């Protein structure tokens, strides 16, 4: 599991039919990054080993910096 492998301790939304409709998911995998108001601030579509991991970490670190 990606979350366990990378020791991520923040919330993941598990997909359900309603979540897919609410966020207009059209491809898998898809990563949505939401702010504290549940507004989408960044979307990553697809996965490329290494590249996507770095992009996810970069986005999360930037979001943390903005709220410290």
PDB file of N, CA and C in Angstrom:
ATOM      1  N   UNK A   1       0.846  -1.182   0.000  1.00  0.00           N
ATOM      2  CA  UNK A   1       0.000   0.000   0.000  1.00  0.00           C
ATOM      3  C   UNK A   1       0.887   1.240   0.000  1.00  0.00           C
ATOM      4  N   UNK A   2       0.643   2.155  -0.898  1.00  0.00           N
ATOM      5  CA  UNK A   2       1.461   3.365  -1.060  1.00  0.00           C
ATOM      6  C   UNK A   2       1.579   4.147   0.243  1.00  0.00           C
ATOM      7  N   UNK A   3       0.482   4.324   0.931  1.00  0.00           N
ATOM      8  CA  UNK A   3       0.484   5.123   2.163  1.00  0.00           C
ATOM      9  C   UNK A   3       1.388   4.496   3.215  1.00  0.00           C
ATOM     10  N   UNK A   4       1.304   3.199   3.418  1.00  0.00           N
ATOM     11  CA  UNK A   4       2.125   2.522   4.419  1.00  0.00           C
ATOM     12  C   UNK A   4       3.590   2.495   4.008  1.00  0.00           C
ATOM     13  N   UNK A   5       3.845   2.201   2.758  1.00  0.00           N
ATOM     14  CA  UNK A   5       5.219   2.131   2.246  1.00  0.00           C
ATOM     15  C   UNK A   5       5.944   3.457   2.423  1.00  0.00           C
ATOM     16  N   UNK A   6       5.236   4.558   2.269  1.00  0.00           N
ATOM     17  CA  UNK A   6       5.844   5.883   2.350  1.00  0.00           C
ATOM     18  C   UNK A   6       5.586   6.578   3.690  1.00  0.00           C
ATOM     19  N   UNK A   7       5.061   5.824   4.651  1.00  0.00           N
ATOM     20  CA  UNK A   7       4.835   6.321   6.019  1.00  0.00           C
ATOM     21  C   UNK A   7       4.049   7.632   6.042  1.00  0.00           C
ATOM     22  N   UNK A   8       2.975   7.670   5.294  1.00  0.00           N
ATOM     23  CA  UNK A   8       2.119   8.854   5.208  1.00  0.00           C
ATOM     24  C   UNK A   8       1.073   8.762   6.310  1.00  0.00           C
ATOM     25  N   UNK A   9       0.974   9.821   7.117  1.00  0.00           N
ATOM     26  CA  UNK A   9       0.066   9.771   8.255  1.00  0.00           C
ATOM     27  C   UNK A   9      -1.098  10.760   8.160  1.00  0.00           C
ATOM     28  N   UNK A  10      -1.421  11.231   6.978  1.00  0.00           N
ATOM     29  CA  UNK A  10      -2.553  12.130   6.813  1.00  0.00           C
ATOM     30  C   UNK A  10      -3.650  11.420   6.033  1.00  0.00           C
ATOM     31  N   UNK A  11      -4.799  12.026   5.972  1.00  0.00           N
ATOM     32  CA  UNK A  11      -5.994  11.376   5.436  1.00  0.00           C
ATOM     33  C   UNK A  11      -5.907  11.071   3.945  1.00  0.00           C
ATOM     34  N   UNK A  12      -6.390   9.911   3.599  1.00  0.00           N
ATOM     35  CA  UNK A  12      -6.607   9.501   2.220  1.00  0.00           C
ATOM     36  C   UNK A  12      -8.109   9.318   2.073  1.00  0.00           C
ATOM     37  N   UNK A  13      -8.659   9.743   0.963  1.00  0.00           N
ATOM     38  CA  UNK A  13     -10.075   9.480   0.702  1.00  0.00           C
ATOM     39  C   UNK A  13     -10.146   8.201  -0.119  1.00  0.00           C
ATOM     40  N   UNK A  14     -10.836   7.226   0.395  1.00  0.00           N
ATOM     41  CA  UNK A  14     -11.038   6.001  -0.358  1.00  0.00           C
ATOM     42  C   UNK A  14     -12.132   6.257  -1.387  1.00  0.00           C
ATOM     43  N   UNK A  15     -11.893   5.794  -2.596  1.00  0.00           N
ATOM     44  CA  UNK A  15     -12.865   6.067  -3.643  1.00  0.00           C
ATOM     45  C   UNK A  15     -14.161   5.293  -3.402  1.00  0.00           C
ATOM     46  N   UNK A  16     -15.214   5.965  -3.695  1.00  0.00           N
ATOM     47  CA  UNK A  16     -16.547   5.369  -3.691  1.00  0.00           C
ATOM     48  C   UNK A  16     -17.254   5.984  -4.888  1.00  0.00           C
ATOM     49  N   UNK A  17     -18.382   5.470  -5.215  1.00  0.00           N
ATOM     50  CA  UNK A  17     -19.110   6.012  -6.362  1.00  0.00           C
ATOM     51  C   UNK A  17     -19.399   7.500  -6.175  1.00  0.00           C
ATOM     52  N   UNK A  18     -19.769   7.898  -4.959  1.00  0.00           N
ATOM     53  CA  UNK A  18     -20.079   9.308  -4.705  1.00  0.00           C
ATOM     54  C   UNK A  18     -18.828  10.180  -4.814  1.00  0.00           C
ATOM     55  N   UNK A  19     -17.700   9.711  -4.287  1.00  0.00           N
ATOM     56  CA  UNK A  19     -16.442  10.473  -4.390  1.00  0.00           C
ATOM     57  C   UNK A  19     -16.060  10.635  -5.858  1.00  0.00           C
ATOM     58  N   UNK A  20     -16.198   9.570  -6.645  1.00  0.00           N
ATOM     59  CA  UNK A  20     -15.880   9.649  -8.073  1.00  0.00           C
ATOM     60  C   UNK A  20     -16.736  10.703  -8.761  1.00  0.00           C
ATOM     61  N   UNK A  21     -18.006  10.774  -8.421  1.00  0.00           N
ATOM     62  CA  UNK A  21     -18.897  11.783  -8.998  1.00  0.00           C
ATOM     63  C   UNK A  21     -18.550  13.184  -8.504  1.00  0.00           C
ATOM     64  N   UNK A  22     -18.336  13.321  -7.194  1.00  0.00           N
ATOM     65  CA  UNK A  22     -18.060  14.636  -6.601  1.00  0.00           C
ATOM     66  C   UNK A  22     -16.806  15.289  -7.173  1.00  0.00           C
ATOM     67  N   UNK A  23     -15.774  14.483  -7.447  1.00  0.00           N
ATOM     68  CA  UNK A  23     -14.508  15.030  -7.925  1.00  0.00           C
ATOM     69  C   UNK A  23     -14.269  14.769  -9.414  1.00  0.00           C
ATOM     70  N   UNK A  24     -15.276  14.305 -10.116  1.00  0.00           N
ATOM     71  CA  UNK A  24     -15.213  14.080 -11.566  1.00  0.00           C
ATOM     72  C   UNK A  24     -13.990  13.261 -11.972  1.00  0.00           C
ATOM     73  N   UNK A  25     -13.784  12.142 -11.294  1.00  0.00           N
ATOM     74  CA  UNK A  25     -12.653  11.269 -11.595  1.00  0.00           C
ATOM     75  C   UNK A  25     -12.881  10.619 -12.948  1.00  0.00           C
ATOM     76  N   UNK A  26     -11.875  10.751 -13.824  1.00  0.00           N
ATOM     77  CA  UNK A  26     -11.994  10.173 -15.163  1.00  0.00           C
ATOM     78  C   UNK A  26     -10.867   9.197 -15.480  1.00  0.00           C
ATOM     79  N   UNK A  27      -9.879   9.083 -14.594  1.00  0.00           N
ATOM     80  CA  UNK A  27      -8.770   8.159 -14.820  1.00  0.00           C
ATOM     81  C   UNK A  27      -8.220   7.692 -13.479  1.00  0.00           C
ATOM     82  N   UNK A  28      -7.459   6.597 -13.530  1.00  0.00           N
ATOM     83  CA  UNK A  28      -6.849   6.049 -12.320  1.00  0.00           C
ATOM     84  C   UNK A  28      -5.373   5.814 -12.575  1.00  0.00           C
ATOM     85  N   UNK A  29      -4.475   5.946 -11.663  1.00  0.00           N
ATOM     86  CA  UNK A  29      -4.774   6.587 -10.386  1.00  0.00           C
ATOM     87  C   UNK A  29      -4.871   8.089 -10.569  1.00  0.00           C
ATOM     88  N   UNK A  30      -5.505   8.723  -9.641  1.00  0.00           N
ATOM     89  CA  UNK A  30      -5.612  10.181  -9.645  1.00  0.00           C
ATOM     90  C   UNK A  30      -5.423  10.656  -8.210  1.00  0.00           C
ATOM     91  N   UNK A  31      -4.624  11.679  -8.057  1.00  0.00           N
ATOM     92  CA  UNK A  31      -4.311  12.226  -6.739  1.00  0.00           C
ATOM     93  C   UNK A  31      -4.851  13.647  -6.671  1.00  0.00           C
ATOM     94  N   UNK A  32      -5.709  13.889  -5.700  1.00  0.00           N
ATOM     95  CA  UNK A  32      -6.232  15.232  -5.456  1.00  0.00           C
ATOM     96  C   UNK A  32      -5.617  15.747  -4.163  1.00  0.00           C
ATOM     97  N   UNK A  33      -5.200  16.986  -4.176  1.00  0.00           N
ATOM     98  CA  UNK A  33      -4.660  17.630  -2.983  1.00  0.00           C
ATOM     99  C   UNK A  33      -5.629  18.738  -2.611  1.00  0.00           C
ATOM    100  N   UNK A  34      -6.190  18.621  -1.419  1.00  0.00           N
ATOM    101  CA  UNK A  34      -7.211  19.560  -0.964  1.00  0.00           C
ATOM    102  C   UNK A  34      -6.674  20.404   0.179  1.00  0.00           C
ATOM    103  N   UNK A  35      -7.123  21.643   0.225  1.00  0.00           N
ATOM    104  CA  UNK A  35      -6.748  22.506   1.344  1.00  0.00           C
ATOM    105  C   UNK A  35      -7.705  22.267   2.509  1.00  0.00           C
ATOM    106  N   UNK A  36      -7.534  23.055   3.569  1.00  0.00           N
ATOM    107  CA  UNK A  36      -8.358  22.868   4.766  1.00  0.00           C
ATOM    108  C   UNK A  36      -9.836  23.146   4.524  1.00  0.00           C
ATOM    109  N   UNK A  37     -10.157  23.815   3.427  1.00  0.00           N
ATOM    110  CA  UNK A  37     -11.553  24.084   3.066  1.00  0.00           C
ATOM    111  C   UNK A  37     -12.109  23.056   2.087  1.00  0.00           C
ATOM    112  N   UNK A  38     -11.351  21.989   1.887  1.00  0.00           N
ATOM    113  CA  UNK A  38     -11.698  20.909   0.953  1.00  0.00           C
ATOM    114  C   UNK A  38     -11.786  21.383  -0.491  1.00  0.00           C
ATOM    115  N   UNK A  39     -11.021  22.411  -0.815  1.00  0.00           N
ATOM    116  CA  UNK A  39     -10.924  22.893  -2.195  1.00  0.00           C
ATOM    117  C   UNK A  39      -9.729  22.211  -2.849  1.00  0.00           C
ATOM    118  N   UNK A  40      -9.901  21.793  -4.086  1.00  0.00           N
ATOM    119  CA  UNK A  40      -8.810  21.146  -4.808  1.00  0.00           C
ATOM    120  C   UNK A  40      -7.770  22.198  -5.170  1.00  0.00           C
ATOM    121  N   UNK A  41      -6.519  21.953  -4.760  1.00  0.00           N
ATOM    122  CA  UNK A  41      -5.447  22.892  -5.073  1.00  0.00           C
ATOM    123  C   UNK A  41      -4.464  22.316  -6.085  1.00  0.00           C
ATOM    124  N   UNK A  42      -4.480  20.992  -6.285  1.00  0.00           N
ATOM    125  CA  UNK A  42      -3.588  20.358  -7.258  1.00  0.00           C
ATOM    126  C   UNK A  42      -4.133  18.980  -7.589  1.00  0.00           C
ATOM    127  N   UNK A  43      -3.926  18.562  -8.841  1.00  0.00           N
ATOM    128  CA  UNK A  43      -4.346  17.240  -9.302  1.00  0.00           C
ATOM    129  C   UNK A  43      -3.178  16.600 -10.040  1.00  0.00           C
ATOM    130  N   UNK A  44      -2.926  15.330  -9.740  1.00  0.00           N
ATOM    131  CA  UNK A  44      -1.956  14.541 -10.510  1.00  0.00           C
ATOM    132  C   UNK A  44      -2.727  13.369 -11.092  1.00  0.00           C
ATOM    133  N   UNK A  45      -2.640  13.208 -12.406  1.00  0.00           N
ATOM    134  CA  UNK A  45      -3.295  12.078 -13.077  1.00  0.00           C
ATOM    135  C   UNK A  45      -2.230  11.093 -13.527  1.00  0.00           C
ATOM    136  N   UNK A  46      -2.452   9.815 -13.249  1.00  0.00           N
ATOM    137  CA  UNK A  46      -1.511   8.789 -13.651  1.00  0.00           C
ATOM    138  C   UNK A  46      -0.399   8.614 -12.633  1.00  0.00           C
ATOM    139  N   UNK A  47       0.483   7.653 -12.926  1.00  0.00           N
ATOM    140  CA  UNK A  47       1.569   7.363 -12.000  1.00  0.00           C
ATOM    141  C   UNK A  47       2.795   6.925 -12.776  1.00  0.00           C
ATOM    142  N   UNK A  48       3.917   7.541 -12.457  1.00  0.00           N
ATOM    143  CA  UNK A  48       5.212   7.163 -13.008  1.00  0.00           C
ATOM    144  C   UNK A  48       6.141   6.966 -11.822  1.00  0.00           C
ATOM    145  N   UNK A  49       6.575   5.724 -11.589  1.00  0.00           N
ATOM    146  CA  UNK A  49       7.383   5.421 -10.406  1.00  0.00           C
ATOM    147  C   UNK A  49       8.572   6.362 -10.296  1.00  0.00           C
ATOM    148  N   UNK A  50       8.757   6.903  -9.123  1.00  0.00           N
ATOM    149  CA  UNK A  50       9.838   7.851  -8.883  1.00  0.00           C
ATOM    150  C   UNK A  50       9.409   9.274  -9.159  1.00  0.00           C
ATOM    151  N   UNK A  51       8.990   9.565 -10.380  1.00  0.00           N
ATOM    152  CA  UNK A  51       8.580  10.923 -10.755  1.00  0.00           C
ATOM    153  C   UNK A  51       7.348  11.371  -9.968  1.00  0.00           C
ATOM    154  N   UNK A  52       6.330  10.543  -9.951  1.00  0.00           N
ATOM    155  CA  UNK A  52       5.101  10.910  -9.252  1.00  0.00           C
ATOM    156  C   UNK A  52       5.347  11.003  -7.751  1.00  0.00           C
ATOM    157  N   UNK A  53       6.155  10.095  -7.209  1.00  0.00           N
ATOM    158  CA  UNK A  53       6.487  10.144  -5.783  1.00  0.00           C
ATOM    159  C   UNK A  53       7.130  11.474  -5.420  1.00  0.00           C
ATOM    160  N   UNK A  54       8.077  11.918  -6.228  1.00  0.00           N
ATOM    161  CA  UNK A  54       8.748  13.201  -5.982  1.00  0.00           C
ATOM    162  C   UNK A  54       7.764  14.360  -6.088  1.00  0.00           C
ATOM    163  N   UNK A  55       6.886  14.294  -7.078  1.00  0.00           N
ATOM    164  CA  UNK A  55       5.896  15.355  -7.262  1.00  0.00           C
ATOM    165  C   UNK A  55       4.932  15.424  -6.073  1.00  0.00           C
ATOM    166  N   UNK A  56       4.494  14.270  -5.591  1.00  0.00           N
ATOM    167  CA  UNK A  56       3.608  14.226  -4.426  1.00  0.00           C
ATOM    168  C   UNK A  56       4.295  14.843  -3.217  1.00  0.00           C
ATOM    169  N   UNK A  57       5.530  14.428  -2.956  1.00  0.00           N
ATOM    170  CA  UNK A  57       6.275  14.975  -1.818  1.00  0.00           C
ATOM    171  C   UNK A  57       6.463  16.474  -1.945  1.00  0.00           C
ATOM    172  N   UNK A  58       6.763  16.947  -3.136  1.00  0.00           N
ATOM    173  CA  UNK A  58       6.961  18.376  -3.370  1.00  0.00           C
ATOM    174  C   UNK A  58       5.679  19.166  -3.088  1.00  0.00           C
ATOM    175  N   UNK A  59       4.569  18.679  -3.584  1.00  0.00           N
ATOM    176  CA  UNK A  59       3.280  19.353  -3.373  1.00  0.00           C
ATOM    177  C   UNK A  59       2.936  19.395  -1.887  1.00  0.00           C
ATOM    178  N   UNK A  60       3.094  18.272  -1.217  1.00  0.00           N
ATOM    179  CA  UNK A  60       2.772  18.220   0.209  1.00  0.00           C
ATOM    180  C   UNK A  60       3.673  19.160   1.002  1.00  0.00           C
ATOM    181  N   UNK A  61       4.972  19.140   0.715  1.00  0.00           N
ATOM    182  CA  UNK A  61       5.893  20.036   1.421  1.00  0.00           C
ATOM    183  C   UNK A  61       5.539  21.496   1.187  1.00  0.00           C
ATOM    184  N   UNK A  62       5.151  21.845  -0.030  1.00  0.00           N
ATOM    185  CA  UNK A  62       4.756  23.222  -0.336  1.00  0.00           C
ATOM    186  C   UNK A  62       3.478  23.599   0.416  1.00  0.00           C
ATOM    187  N   UNK A  63       2.524  22.686   0.468  1.00  0.00           N
ATOM    188  CA  UNK A  63       1.285  22.963   1.193  1.00  0.00           C
ATOM    189  C   UNK A  63       1.561  23.149   2.689  1.00  0.00           C
ATOM    190  N   UNK A  64       2.462  22.362   3.231  1.00  0.00           N
ATOM    191  CA  UNK A  64       2.826  22.496   4.646  1.00  0.00           C
ATOM    192  C   UNK A  64       3.479  23.844   4.891  1.00  0.00           C
ATOM    193  N   UNK A  65       4.401  24.245   4.019  1.00  0.00           N
ATOM    194  CA  UNK A  65       5.089  25.537   4.165  1.00  0.00           C
ATOM    195  C   UNK A  65       4.096  26.695   4.164  1.00  0.00           C
ATOM    196  N   UNK A  66       3.074  26.598   3.338  1.00  0.00           N
ATOM    197  CA  UNK A  66       2.077  27.664   3.229  1.00  0.00           C
ATOM    198  C   UNK A  66       1.246  27.814   4.496  1.00  0.00           C
ATOM    199  N   UNK A  67       1.225  26.796   5.335  1.00  0.00           N
ATOM    200  CA  UNK A  67       0.363  26.832   6.520  1.00  0.00           C
ATOM    201  C   UNK A  67       1.126  26.772   7.832  1.00  0.00           C
ATOM    202  N   UNK A  68       2.417  26.993   7.781  1.00  0.00           N
ATOM    203  CA  UNK A  68       3.215  26.990   9.024  1.00  0.00           C
ATOM    204  C   UNK A  68       3.341  28.399   9.529  1.00  0.00           C
TER     205      UNK A  68
END
